Amino acid sequence: MKFDFKFIMDRLVNLIIKPQEEWGKIKGETSSVNSLFLNYAIFLAAVPAIAGFIGYSIIGFSFGTVSYRVPVGRSFLWMIFQYIFALAGAFILGLIIDALATSFDSKKELVDSLKVAVYASSISWAFGILMIVPGLRLISALASLYALYIMFLGLREIKTPGKDKEVGYFVVTIIVAIVIFVILGYLTTLIAFGGGFRPGMLR
């Protein structure tokens, strides 16, 4: 495991402000499943989990004029599973991208597919820091939509599908990915909160 803060921040910033150029650089890099996850994903996937824990249990959130804080035990459980499922989701997304490749005139190559999944997901993870402030959670969710554009560019640059199949590859990947992430999100809430917030869970 290697933590390189400069590399992580440079990659994030470059993906956000000049994604086309950064994907070209990523394409030429020699990577592995281990390096993608142990040197990059495991650090960034923790951002929304930790920020959410602080936001839910320390800062709290409001329903109308009433403020609540989730008990630390439940929020901590949510944080753990949010983190685990974020990493699992990125890996599953990579598998989906790879499984669909040949249907869109692309080549099956798991590491390349995981490059797209991990680096695109990292944009959402980075924006997850906004979960620390209750009023910014919606902005965080909306800002994370930018990750979809980053993913589209990554699919086009890294997976090089047929020119007339780029949009189709992206759309099918997103549809399947949404189903996966909705399921993982529901499981996280179910495990931590029994399926949703109830008055007895809050303080």
N, C-alpha and C. Protein backbone atom coordinates (compact mmCIF):
# COMPACT_ATOMS: atom_id res chain seq x y z
N MET A 1 0.85 -1.20 0.00
CA MET A 1 0.00 0.00 0.00
C MET A 1 0.88 1.24 0.00
N LYS A 2 0.65 2.12 -0.95
CA LYS A 2 1.47 3.33 -1.06
C LYS A 2 0.57 4.55 -1.11
N PHE A 3 0.73 5.44 -0.13
CA PHE A 3 -0.06 6.67 -0.12
C PHE A 3 0.78 7.80 -0.70
N ASP A 4 0.37 8.29 -1.85
CA ASP A 4 1.07 9.38 -2.52
C ASP A 4 0.06 10.51 -2.70
N PHE A 5 0.03 11.42 -1.73
CA PHE A 5 -0.97 12.48 -1.74
C PHE A 5 -0.89 13.33 -3.00
N LYS A 6 0.32 13.64 -3.42
CA LYS A 6 0.50 14.49 -4.61
C LYS A 6 -0.07 13.81 -5.85
N PHE A 7 0.21 12.52 -6.00
CA PHE A 7 -0.31 11.80 -7.17
C PHE A 7 -1.83 11.79 -7.15
N ILE A 8 -2.41 11.50 -5.99
CA ILE A 8 -3.87 11.42 -5.87
C ILE A 8 -4.51 12.77 -6.21
N MET A 9 -3.98 13.84 -5.64
CA MET A 9 -4.55 15.16 -5.88
C MET A 9 -4.34 15.62 -7.32
N ASP A 10 -3.15 15.36 -7.86
CA ASP A 10 -2.89 15.74 -9.25
C ASP A 10 -3.85 15.01 -10.19
N ARG A 11 -4.05 13.73 -9.94
CA ARG A 11 -4.96 12.96 -10.80
C ARG A 11 -6.38 13.49 -10.71
N LEU A 12 -6.85 13.76 -9.51
CA LEU A 12 -8.20 14.27 -9.32
C LEU A 12 -8.39 15.61 -10.02
N VAL A 13 -7.48 16.52 -9.76
CA VAL A 13 -7.59 17.86 -10.33
C VAL A 13 -7.54 17.80 -11.85
N ASN A 14 -6.63 17.00 -12.38
CA ASN A 14 -6.50 16.91 -13.83
C ASN A 14 -7.71 16.26 -14.48
N LEU A 15 -8.30 15.27 -13.81
CA LEU A 15 -9.51 14.64 -14.34
C LEU A 15 -10.67 15.63 -14.37
N ILE A 16 -10.67 16.55 -13.41
CA ILE A 16 -11.76 17.51 -13.33
C ILE A 16 -11.59 18.65 -14.33
N ILE A 17 -10.36 19.19 -14.44
CA ILE A 17 -10.18 20.40 -15.26
C ILE A 17 -9.71 20.11 -16.69
N LYS A 18 -9.04 18.98 -16.89
CA LYS A 18 -8.62 18.63 -18.26
C LYS A 18 -8.71 17.10 -18.45
N PRO A 19 -9.94 16.58 -18.40
CA PRO A 19 -10.14 15.13 -18.41
C PRO A 19 -9.64 14.44 -19.67
N GLN A 20 -9.82 15.04 -20.83
CA GLN A 20 -9.39 14.40 -22.08
C GLN A 20 -7.89 14.14 -22.06
N GLU A 21 -7.14 15.14 -21.65
CA GLU A 21 -5.69 15.01 -21.59
C GLU A 21 -5.26 13.98 -20.55
N GLU A 22 -5.95 13.99 -19.40
CA GLU A 22 -5.57 13.06 -18.33
C GLU A 22 -5.89 11.61 -18.71
N TRP A 23 -7.02 11.39 -19.39
CA TRP A 23 -7.33 10.02 -19.83
C TRP A 23 -6.28 9.52 -20.81
N GLY A 24 -5.77 10.41 -21.65
CA GLY A 24 -4.71 10.01 -22.56
C GLY A 24 -3.47 9.57 -21.81
N LYS A 25 -3.17 10.27 -20.72
CA LYS A 25 -2.03 9.90 -19.89
C LYS A 25 -2.28 8.57 -19.20
N ILE A 26 -3.50 8.39 -18.67
CA ILE A 26 -3.86 7.14 -17.98
C ILE A 26 -3.76 5.96 -18.93
N LYS A 27 -4.18 6.16 -20.16
CA LYS A 27 -4.15 5.07 -21.14
C LYS A 27 -2.75 4.52 -21.32
N GLY A 28 -1.77 5.39 -21.25
CA GLY A 28 -0.39 4.95 -21.45
C GLY A 28 0.29 4.39 -20.22
N GLU A 29 -0.38 4.43 -19.09
CA GLU A 29 0.21 3.94 -17.84
C GLU A 29 0.07 2.43 -17.70
N THR A 30 1.07 1.83 -17.11
CA THR A 30 1.00 0.41 -16.76
C THR A 30 0.43 0.30 -15.35
N SER A 31 -0.73 -0.34 -15.24
CA SER A 31 -1.40 -0.45 -13.94
C SER A 31 -1.75 -1.90 -13.67
N SER A 32 -2.22 -2.14 -12.46
CA SER A 32 -2.72 -3.46 -12.07
C SER A 32 -3.93 -3.26 -11.18
N VAL A 33 -4.66 -4.32 -10.95
CA VAL A 33 -5.80 -4.23 -10.03
C VAL A 33 -5.33 -3.75 -8.67
N ASN A 34 -4.23 -4.30 -8.19
CA ASN A 34 -3.71 -3.91 -6.88
C ASN A 34 -3.33 -2.44 -6.82
N SER A 35 -2.65 -1.95 -7.84
CA SER A 35 -2.20 -0.56 -7.80
C SER A 35 -3.39 0.40 -7.87
N LEU A 36 -4.40 0.07 -8.65
CA LEU A 36 -5.57 0.93 -8.76
C LEU A 36 -6.32 1.05 -7.44
N PHE A 37 -6.41 -0.07 -6.74
CA PHE A 37 -7.18 -0.06 -5.50
C PHE A 37 -6.32 0.29 -4.28
N LEU A 38 -5.13 -0.29 -4.17
CA LEU A 38 -4.32 -0.09 -2.96
C LEU A 38 -3.59 1.25 -2.95
N ASN A 39 -3.32 1.82 -4.12
CA ASN A 39 -2.61 3.10 -4.16
C ASN A 39 -3.52 4.29 -4.43
N TYR A 40 -4.79 4.01 -4.69
CA TYR A 40 -5.68 5.11 -5.07
C TYR A 40 -7.08 4.97 -4.47
N ALA A 41 -7.79 3.94 -4.88
CA ALA A 41 -9.22 3.82 -4.51
C ALA A 41 -9.46 3.73 -3.01
N ILE A 42 -8.64 2.97 -2.30
CA ILE A 42 -8.93 2.78 -0.86
C ILE A 42 -8.83 4.07 -0.06
N PHE A 43 -8.10 5.04 -0.56
CA PHE A 43 -7.99 6.32 0.15
C PHE A 43 -9.18 7.23 -0.19
N LEU A 44 -9.49 7.33 -1.47
CA LEU A 44 -10.56 8.25 -1.87
C LEU A 44 -11.95 7.74 -1.53
N ALA A 45 -12.14 6.42 -1.55
CA ALA A 45 -13.45 5.86 -1.21
C ALA A 45 -13.82 6.14 0.23
N ALA A 46 -12.83 6.44 1.05
CA ALA A 46 -13.09 6.73 2.46
C ALA A 46 -13.65 8.14 2.67
N VAL A 47 -13.48 9.02 1.69
CA VAL A 47 -13.88 10.42 1.86
C VAL A 47 -15.37 10.58 2.13
N PRO A 48 -16.28 10.08 1.27
CA PRO A 48 -17.70 10.25 1.56
C PRO A 48 -18.15 9.49 2.80
N ALA A 49 -17.52 8.36 3.08
CA ALA A 49 -17.89 7.58 4.26
C ALA A 49 -17.59 8.35 5.54
N ILE A 50 -16.39 8.90 5.64
CA ILE A 50 -16.00 9.66 6.83
C ILE A 50 -16.78 10.96 6.92
N ALA A 51 -16.92 11.64 5.78
CA ALA A 51 -17.67 12.91 5.77
C ALA A 51 -19.12 12.69 6.17
N GLY A 52 -19.71 11.60 5.68
CA GLY A 52 -21.09 11.28 6.04
C GLY A 52 -21.23 10.97 7.51
N PHE A 53 -20.26 10.25 8.06
CA PHE A 53 -20.28 9.92 9.49
C PHE A 53 -20.27 11.20 10.32
N ILE A 54 -19.39 12.13 9.97
CA ILE A 54 -19.31 13.40 10.70
C ILE A 54 -20.60 14.21 10.52
N GLY A 55 -21.10 14.23 9.29
CA GLY A 55 -22.31 14.99 9.02
C GLY A 55 -23.53 14.44 9.75
N TYR A 56 -23.67 13.12 9.76
CA TYR A 56 -24.83 12.49 10.40
C TYR A 56 -24.77 12.57 11.93
N SER A 57 -23.59 12.30 12.49
CA SER A 57 -23.53 12.11 13.94
C SER A 57 -22.96 13.29 14.72
N ILE A 58 -22.16 14.13 14.11
CA ILE A 58 -21.54 15.24 14.83
C ILE A 58 -22.22 16.56 14.48
N ILE A 59 -22.33 16.84 13.20
CA ILE A 59 -22.98 18.09 12.78
C ILE A 59 -24.49 17.94 12.80
N GLY A 60 -24.99 16.80 12.33
CA GLY A 60 -26.42 16.55 12.33
C GLY A 60 -27.12 17.11 11.10
N PHE A 61 -28.40 16.83 10.98
CA PHE A 61 -29.17 17.30 9.83
C PHE A 61 -30.55 17.70 10.32
N SER A 62 -31.32 18.34 9.47
CA SER A 62 -32.60 18.91 9.91
C SER A 62 -33.76 18.42 9.08
N PHE A 63 -34.92 18.26 9.76
CA PHE A 63 -36.21 18.07 9.11
C PHE A 63 -37.04 19.28 9.51
N GLY A 64 -37.15 20.23 8.58
CA GLY A 64 -37.86 21.45 8.94
C GLY A 64 -37.06 22.25 9.95
N THR A 65 -37.67 22.51 11.10
CA THR A 65 -36.99 23.30 12.14
C THR A 65 -36.37 22.42 13.21
N VAL A 66 -36.50 21.11 13.05
CA VAL A 66 -35.99 20.18 14.06
C VAL A 66 -34.68 19.55 13.57
N SER A 67 -33.67 19.58 14.42
CA SER A 67 -32.36 19.02 14.07
C SER A 67 -32.18 17.66 14.73
N TYR A 68 -31.47 16.78 14.03
CA TYR A 68 -31.23 15.43 14.53
C TYR A 68 -29.77 15.06 14.35
N ARG A 69 -29.34 14.12 15.17
CA ARG A 69 -28.05 13.46 14.98
C ARG A 69 -28.28 11.96 15.08
N VAL A 70 -27.67 11.23 14.17
CA VAL A 70 -27.78 9.77 14.21
C VAL A 70 -26.85 9.26 15.31
N PRO A 71 -27.30 8.32 16.13
CA PRO A 71 -26.41 7.74 17.14
C PRO A 71 -25.11 7.25 16.53
N VAL A 72 -24.03 7.48 17.25
CA VAL A 72 -22.70 7.19 16.71
C VAL A 72 -22.56 5.73 16.26
N GLY A 73 -23.12 4.81 17.03
CA GLY A 73 -22.99 3.39 16.68
C GLY A 73 -23.58 3.07 15.33
N ARG A 74 -24.78 3.57 15.06
CA ARG A 74 -25.42 3.31 13.77
C ARG A 74 -24.70 4.04 12.64
N SER A 75 -24.27 5.26 12.91
CA SER A 75 -23.57 6.02 11.88
C SER A 75 -22.22 5.40 11.56
N PHE A 76 -21.57 4.86 12.58
CA PHE A 76 -20.28 4.20 12.35
C PHE A 76 -20.48 2.96 11.49
N LEU A 77 -21.55 2.20 11.75
CA LEU A 77 -21.85 1.02 10.95
C LEU A 77 -22.12 1.42 9.51
N TRP A 78 -22.88 2.52 9.33
CA TRP A 78 -23.13 3.03 7.99
C TRP A 78 -21.81 3.39 7.30
N MET A 79 -20.91 4.05 8.02
CA MET A 79 -19.63 4.46 7.45
C MET A 79 -18.83 3.26 6.94
N ILE A 80 -18.78 2.21 7.74
CA ILE A 80 -18.01 1.02 7.37
C ILE A 80 -18.55 0.40 6.09
N PHE A 81 -19.87 0.21 6.05
CA PHE A 81 -20.45 -0.44 4.87
C PHE A 81 -20.48 0.48 3.66
N GLN A 82 -20.63 1.78 3.89
CA GLN A 82 -20.54 2.73 2.79
C GLN A 82 -19.17 2.62 2.13
N TYR A 83 -18.14 2.51 2.93
CA TYR A 83 -16.77 2.40 2.42
C TYR A 83 -16.55 1.09 1.67
N ILE A 84 -16.97 -0.01 2.28
CA ILE A 84 -16.80 -1.33 1.66
C ILE A 84 -17.54 -1.41 0.33
N PHE A 85 -18.78 -0.94 0.34
CA PHE A 85 -19.60 -1.03 -0.86
C PHE A 85 -19.16 -0.05 -1.94
N ALA A 86 -18.52 1.06 -1.55
CA ALA A 86 -17.98 1.98 -2.55
C ALA A 86 -16.87 1.30 -3.35
N LEU A 87 -16.00 0.61 -2.64
CA LEU A 87 -14.93 -0.13 -3.31
C LEU A 87 -15.49 -1.29 -4.12
N ALA A 88 -16.44 -2.02 -3.53
CA ALA A 88 -17.05 -3.14 -4.24
C ALA A 88 -17.78 -2.65 -5.48
N GLY A 89 -18.46 -1.50 -5.35
CA GLY A 89 -19.18 -0.95 -6.48
C GLY A 89 -18.27 -0.59 -7.63
N ALA A 90 -17.12 0.00 -7.33
CA ALA A 90 -16.16 0.36 -8.38
C ALA A 90 -15.64 -0.89 -9.08
N PHE A 91 -15.39 -1.94 -8.30
CA PHE A 91 -14.90 -3.19 -8.90
C PHE A 91 -15.98 -3.82 -9.78
N ILE A 92 -17.21 -3.85 -9.28
CA ILE A 92 -18.32 -4.41 -10.07
C ILE A 92 -18.53 -3.60 -11.34
N LEU A 93 -18.42 -2.28 -11.23
CA LEU A 93 -18.56 -1.43 -12.41
C LEU A 93 -17.50 -1.77 -13.45
N GLY A 94 -16.29 -2.01 -12.99
CA GLY A 94 -15.23 -2.42 -13.90
C GLY A 94 -15.54 -3.74 -14.59
N LEU A 95 -16.11 -4.68 -13.83
CA LEU A 95 -16.50 -5.97 -14.41
C LEU A 95 -17.59 -5.78 -15.47
N ILE A 96 -18.53 -4.88 -15.18
CA ILE A 96 -19.61 -4.60 -16.13
C ILE A 96 -19.05 -4.01 -17.42
N ILE A 97 -18.17 -3.02 -17.27
CA ILE A 97 -17.56 -2.39 -18.44
C ILE A 97 -16.83 -3.44 -19.28
N ASP A 98 -16.13 -4.34 -18.60
CA ASP A 98 -15.36 -5.36 -19.31
C ASP A 98 -16.28 -6.38 -19.98
N ALA A 99 -17.35 -6.77 -19.28
CA ALA A 99 -18.27 -7.76 -19.83
C ALA A 99 -18.99 -7.24 -21.07
N LEU A 100 -19.24 -5.94 -21.12
CA LEU A 100 -19.96 -5.34 -22.24
C LEU A 100 -19.06 -5.00 -23.43
N ALA A 101 -17.76 -5.05 -23.21
CA ALA A 101 -16.81 -4.54 -24.20
C ALA A 101 -17.02 -5.09 -25.60
N THR A 102 -17.07 -6.39 -25.75
CA THR A 102 -17.13 -6.97 -27.09
C THR A 102 -18.43 -6.63 -27.81
N SER A 103 -19.47 -6.34 -27.06
CA SER A 103 -20.76 -5.97 -27.68
C SER A 103 -20.70 -4.61 -28.34
N PHE A 104 -19.66 -3.83 -28.00
CA PHE A 104 -19.55 -2.48 -28.56
C PHE A 104 -18.21 -2.29 -29.28
N ASP A 105 -17.74 -3.39 -29.86
CA ASP A 105 -16.50 -3.36 -30.66
C ASP A 105 -15.29 -2.89 -29.86
N SER A 106 -15.27 -3.24 -28.57
CA SER A 106 -14.14 -2.92 -27.72
C SER A 106 -13.47 -4.23 -27.30
N LYS A 107 -12.33 -4.11 -26.66
CA LYS A 107 -11.57 -5.29 -26.25
C LYS A 107 -11.73 -5.55 -24.77
N LYS A 108 -11.92 -6.81 -24.44
CA LYS A 108 -12.00 -7.18 -23.02
C LYS A 108 -10.60 -7.09 -22.42
N GLU A 109 -10.45 -6.24 -21.47
CA GLU A 109 -9.18 -6.06 -20.74
C GLU A 109 -9.55 -5.50 -19.37
N LEU A 110 -9.51 -6.36 -18.36
CA LEU A 110 -10.04 -5.99 -17.06
C LEU A 110 -9.36 -4.77 -16.45
N VAL A 111 -8.05 -4.70 -16.55
CA VAL A 111 -7.34 -3.56 -15.93
C VAL A 111 -7.78 -2.25 -16.58
N ASP A 112 -7.91 -2.24 -17.89
CA ASP A 112 -8.37 -1.02 -18.57
C ASP A 112 -9.79 -0.66 -18.13
N SER A 113 -10.64 -1.67 -18.00
CA SER A 113 -12.01 -1.43 -17.56
C SER A 113 -12.04 -0.89 -16.14
N LEU A 114 -11.17 -1.39 -15.29
CA LEU A 114 -11.09 -0.92 -13.91
C LEU A 114 -10.51 0.49 -13.84
N LYS A 115 -9.64 0.83 -14.77
CA LYS A 115 -9.14 2.21 -14.83
C LYS A 115 -10.31 3.17 -14.98
N VAL A 116 -11.20 2.86 -15.93
CA VAL A 116 -12.37 3.71 -16.17
C VAL A 116 -13.25 3.77 -14.92
N ALA A 117 -13.52 2.61 -14.34
CA ALA A 117 -14.42 2.55 -13.18
C ALA A 117 -13.85 3.28 -11.97
N VAL A 118 -12.61 3.03 -11.65
CA VAL A 118 -11.99 3.61 -10.45
C VAL A 118 -11.80 5.11 -10.59
N TYR A 119 -11.23 5.55 -11.71
CA TYR A 119 -10.95 6.98 -11.84
C TYR A 119 -12.21 7.81 -12.02
N ALA A 120 -13.22 7.26 -12.68
CA ALA A 120 -14.50 7.97 -12.78
C ALA A 120 -15.18 8.03 -11.42
N SER A 121 -15.15 6.92 -10.69
CA SER A 121 -15.76 6.88 -9.36
C SER A 121 -15.08 7.84 -8.40
N SER A 122 -13.80 8.05 -8.60
CA SER A 122 -13.05 8.90 -7.68
C SER A 122 -13.55 10.34 -7.69
N ILE A 123 -14.17 10.76 -8.78
CA ILE A 123 -14.73 12.11 -8.83
C ILE A 123 -15.90 12.20 -7.85
N SER A 124 -16.77 11.20 -7.86
CA SER A 124 -17.89 11.17 -6.91
C SER A 124 -17.38 11.09 -5.48
N TRP A 125 -16.37 10.28 -5.26
CA TRP A 125 -15.82 10.16 -3.91
C TRP A 125 -15.27 11.49 -3.43
N ALA A 126 -14.57 12.20 -4.29
CA ALA A 126 -14.00 13.49 -3.91
C ALA A 126 -15.10 14.49 -3.54
N PHE A 127 -16.15 14.57 -4.37
CA PHE A 127 -17.25 15.47 -4.06
C PHE A 127 -17.98 15.05 -2.79
N GLY A 128 -17.79 13.80 -2.38
CA GLY A 128 -18.44 13.30 -1.17
C GLY A 128 -18.01 14.05 0.08
N ILE A 129 -16.93 14.81 0.02
CA ILE A 129 -16.50 15.60 1.17
C ILE A 129 -17.58 16.59 1.57
N LEU A 130 -18.43 16.98 0.64
CA LEU A 130 -19.49 17.94 0.94
C LEU A 130 -20.55 17.37 1.87
N MET A 131 -20.57 16.06 2.03
CA MET A 131 -21.54 15.44 2.94
C MET A 131 -21.30 15.84 4.39
N ILE A 132 -20.15 16.41 4.66
CA ILE A 132 -19.83 16.82 6.02
C ILE A 132 -20.70 18.00 6.46
N VAL A 133 -21.21 18.75 5.49
CA VAL A 133 -22.09 19.89 5.78
C VAL A 133 -23.50 19.52 5.32
N PRO A 134 -24.44 19.37 6.25
CA PRO A 134 -25.78 18.90 5.89
C PRO A 134 -26.42 19.61 4.72
N GLY A 135 -26.28 20.91 4.65
CA GLY A 135 -26.93 21.67 3.59
C GLY A 135 -26.32 21.48 2.22
N LEU A 136 -25.15 20.84 2.16
CA LEU A 136 -24.46 20.68 0.89
C LEU A 136 -24.58 19.27 0.32
N ARG A 137 -25.32 18.40 0.99
CA ARG A 137 -25.39 17.01 0.53
C ARG A 137 -26.02 16.89 -0.84
N LEU A 138 -27.05 17.70 -1.10
CA LEU A 138 -27.69 17.66 -2.42
C LEU A 138 -26.73 18.16 -3.49
N ILE A 139 -25.97 19.20 -3.16
CA ILE A 139 -24.98 19.72 -4.09
C ILE A 139 -23.93 18.65 -4.39
N SER A 140 -23.56 17.91 -3.36
CA SER A 140 -22.60 16.82 -3.54
C SER A 140 -23.12 15.80 -4.53
N ALA A 141 -24.39 15.44 -4.38
CA ALA A 141 -24.99 14.45 -5.29
C ALA A 141 -25.04 14.98 -6.72
N LEU A 142 -25.42 16.25 -6.87
CA LEU A 142 -25.50 16.84 -8.21
C LEU A 142 -24.12 16.99 -8.84
N ALA A 143 -23.16 17.41 -8.02
CA ALA A 143 -21.80 17.58 -8.53
C ALA A 143 -21.21 16.26 -9.00
N SER A 144 -21.63 15.19 -8.32
CA SER A 144 -21.12 13.87 -8.68
C SER A 144 -21.56 13.44 -10.07
N LEU A 145 -22.59 14.07 -10.60
CA LEU A 145 -23.03 13.75 -11.96
C LEU A 145 -21.94 14.04 -12.98
N TYR A 146 -21.03 14.93 -12.61
CA TYR A 146 -19.91 15.23 -13.51
C TYR A 146 -19.07 13.98 -13.76
N ALA A 147 -19.12 13.06 -12.79
CA ALA A 147 -18.37 11.81 -12.94
C ALA A 147 -18.87 11.01 -14.14
N LEU A 148 -20.14 11.19 -14.50
CA LEU A 148 -20.68 10.48 -15.67
C LEU A 148 -20.00 10.97 -16.95
N TYR A 149 -19.80 12.27 -17.04
CA TYR A 149 -19.09 12.82 -18.20
C TYR A 149 -17.65 12.31 -18.24
N ILE A 150 -17.03 12.27 -17.06
CA ILE A 150 -15.66 11.75 -16.98
C ILE A 150 -15.62 10.29 -17.42
N MET A 151 -16.63 9.52 -17.02
CA MET A 151 -16.69 8.11 -17.40
C MET A 151 -16.85 7.96 -18.91
N PHE A 152 -17.70 8.78 -19.50
CA PHE A 152 -17.89 8.71 -20.95
C PHE A 152 -16.57 8.94 -21.68
N LEU A 153 -15.84 9.97 -21.25
CA LEU A 153 -14.54 10.24 -21.88
C LEU A 153 -13.58 9.08 -21.67
N GLY A 154 -13.63 8.48 -20.47
CA GLY A 154 -12.75 7.35 -20.19
C GLY A 154 -13.08 6.13 -21.03
N LEU A 155 -14.37 5.84 -21.18
CA LEU A 155 -14.77 4.72 -22.03
C LEU A 155 -14.28 4.93 -23.46
N ARG A 156 -14.43 6.14 -23.94
CA ARG A 156 -14.05 6.44 -25.32
C ARG A 156 -12.53 6.36 -25.51
N GLU A 157 -11.78 6.86 -24.52
CA GLU A 157 -10.33 6.92 -24.67
C GLU A 157 -9.65 5.60 -24.33
N ILE A 158 -10.09 4.95 -23.25
CA ILE A 158 -9.42 3.74 -22.77
C ILE A 158 -9.94 2.48 -23.47
N LYS A 159 -11.25 2.40 -23.62
CA LYS A 159 -11.84 1.17 -24.18
C LYS A 159 -12.01 1.24 -25.70
N THR A 160 -11.93 2.42 -26.28
CA THR A 160 -12.01 2.66 -27.72
C THR A 160 -13.07 1.79 -28.42
N PRO A 161 -14.34 1.98 -28.06
CA PRO A 161 -15.40 1.24 -28.77
C PRO A 161 -15.56 1.78 -30.19
N GLY A 162 -16.38 1.11 -30.99
CA GLY A 162 -16.66 1.60 -32.33
C GLY A 162 -17.21 3.01 -32.27
N LYS A 163 -16.84 3.84 -33.22
CA LYS A 163 -17.24 5.26 -33.20
C LYS A 163 -18.75 5.43 -33.09
N ASP A 164 -19.49 4.54 -33.72
CA ASP A 164 -20.94 4.65 -33.69
C ASP A 164 -21.55 3.95 -32.48
N LYS A 165 -20.69 3.43 -31.60
CA LYS A 165 -21.19 2.68 -30.45
C LYS A 165 -20.77 3.27 -29.11
N GLU A 166 -20.10 4.42 -29.15
CA GLU A 166 -19.62 5.04 -27.91
C GLU A 166 -20.76 5.38 -26.96
N VAL A 167 -21.79 6.04 -27.49
CA VAL A 167 -22.91 6.46 -26.65
C VAL A 167 -23.66 5.25 -26.13
N GLY A 168 -23.87 4.25 -26.98
CA GLY A 168 -24.57 3.04 -26.55
C GLY A 168 -23.83 2.32 -25.43
N TYR A 169 -22.52 2.23 -25.56
CA TYR A 169 -21.68 1.60 -24.53
C TYR A 169 -21.85 2.33 -23.20
N PHE A 170 -21.81 3.65 -23.28
CA PHE A 170 -21.94 4.48 -22.09
C PHE A 170 -23.32 4.32 -21.46
N VAL A 171 -24.37 4.40 -22.26
CA VAL A 171 -25.74 4.34 -21.74
C VAL A 171 -26.02 2.99 -21.08
N VAL A 172 -25.65 1.91 -21.74
CA VAL A 172 -25.90 0.58 -21.17
C VAL A 172 -25.11 0.39 -19.88
N THR A 173 -23.86 0.86 -19.88
CA THR A 173 -23.04 0.76 -18.66
C THR A 173 -23.68 1.52 -17.51
N ILE A 174 -24.17 2.72 -17.78
CA ILE A 174 -24.79 3.54 -16.73
C ILE A 174 -26.06 2.89 -16.21
N ILE A 175 -26.88 2.35 -17.09
CA ILE A 175 -28.13 1.71 -16.66
C ILE A 175 -27.85 0.55 -15.72
N VAL A 176 -26.92 -0.31 -16.12
CA VAL A 176 -26.58 -1.45 -15.26
C VAL A 176 -25.93 -0.98 -13.97
N ALA A 177 -25.06 0.02 -14.07
CA ALA A 177 -24.37 0.54 -12.88
C ALA A 177 -25.36 1.14 -11.89
N ILE A 178 -26.37 1.86 -12.38
CA ILE A 178 -27.36 2.47 -11.49
C ILE A 178 -28.07 1.39 -10.69
N VAL A 179 -28.44 0.31 -11.35
CA VAL A 179 -29.10 -0.79 -10.65
C VAL A 179 -28.19 -1.33 -9.54
N ILE A 180 -26.92 -1.53 -9.88
CA ILE A 180 -25.97 -2.05 -8.89
C ILE A 180 -25.83 -1.11 -7.71
N PHE A 181 -25.66 0.19 -7.97
CA PHE A 181 -25.42 1.14 -6.89
C PHE A 181 -26.67 1.40 -6.05
N VAL A 182 -27.84 1.31 -6.67
CA VAL A 182 -29.08 1.43 -5.89
C VAL A 182 -29.19 0.26 -4.92
N ILE A 183 -28.86 -0.92 -5.40
CA ILE A 183 -28.90 -2.11 -4.53
C ILE A 183 -27.90 -1.97 -3.39
N LEU A 184 -26.67 -1.56 -3.71
CA LEU A 184 -25.65 -1.41 -2.67
C LEU A 184 -26.02 -0.31 -1.68
N GLY A 185 -26.60 0.79 -2.18
CA GLY A 185 -27.03 1.86 -1.30
C GLY A 185 -28.14 1.41 -0.37
N TYR A 186 -29.07 0.63 -0.91
CA TYR A 186 -30.16 0.12 -0.08
C TYR A 186 -29.63 -0.83 0.98
N LEU A 187 -28.69 -1.69 0.60
CA LEU A 187 -28.11 -2.63 1.57
C LEU A 187 -27.39 -1.89 2.69
N THR A 188 -26.67 -0.81 2.33
CA THR A 188 -25.99 -0.02 3.35
C THR A 188 -26.98 0.55 4.35
N THR A 189 -28.06 1.14 3.84
CA THR A 189 -29.08 1.72 4.71
C THR A 189 -29.79 0.65 5.53
N LEU A 190 -30.06 -0.48 4.88
CA LEU A 190 -30.75 -1.57 5.57
C LEU A 190 -29.93 -2.09 6.74
N ILE A 191 -28.64 -2.29 6.49
CA ILE A 191 -27.76 -2.83 7.53
C ILE A 191 -27.60 -1.84 8.69
N ALA A 192 -27.40 -0.57 8.35
CA ALA A 192 -27.11 0.43 9.39
C ALA A 192 -28.36 0.96 10.08
N PHE A 193 -29.44 1.13 9.32
CA PHE A 193 -30.62 1.80 9.87
C PHE A 193 -31.89 0.97 9.78
N GLY A 194 -31.78 -0.27 9.37
CA GLY A 194 -32.97 -1.10 9.28
C GLY A 194 -33.87 -0.71 8.14
N GLY A 195 -33.31 -0.12 7.06
CA GLY A 195 -34.09 0.23 5.89
C GLY A 195 -34.43 1.70 5.79
N GLY A 196 -34.18 2.49 6.84
CA GLY A 196 -34.48 3.92 6.77
C GLY A 196 -34.43 4.54 8.14
N PHE A 197 -34.53 5.86 8.20
CA PHE A 197 -34.51 6.57 9.47
C PHE A 197 -35.87 6.46 10.15
N ARG A 198 -35.85 6.21 11.45
CA ARG A 198 -37.08 6.26 12.24
C ARG A 198 -36.80 7.14 13.45
N PRO A 199 -37.80 7.81 14.00
CA PRO A 199 -37.58 8.73 15.13
C PRO A 199 -36.77 8.12 16.27
N GLY A 200 -36.99 6.85 16.52
CA GLY A 200 -36.28 6.22 17.64
C GLY A 200 -34.80 6.06 17.42
N MET A 201 -34.39 6.20 16.14
CA MET A 201 -32.97 6.05 15.82
C MET A 201 -32.22 7.36 16.00
N LEU A 202 -32.95 8.47 16.07
CA LEU A 202 -32.31 9.78 16.06
C LEU A 202 -32.35 10.40 17.45
N ARG A 203 -31.54 11.38 17.63
CA ARG A 203 -31.52 12.07 18.92
C ARG A 203 -31.32 13.55 18.69
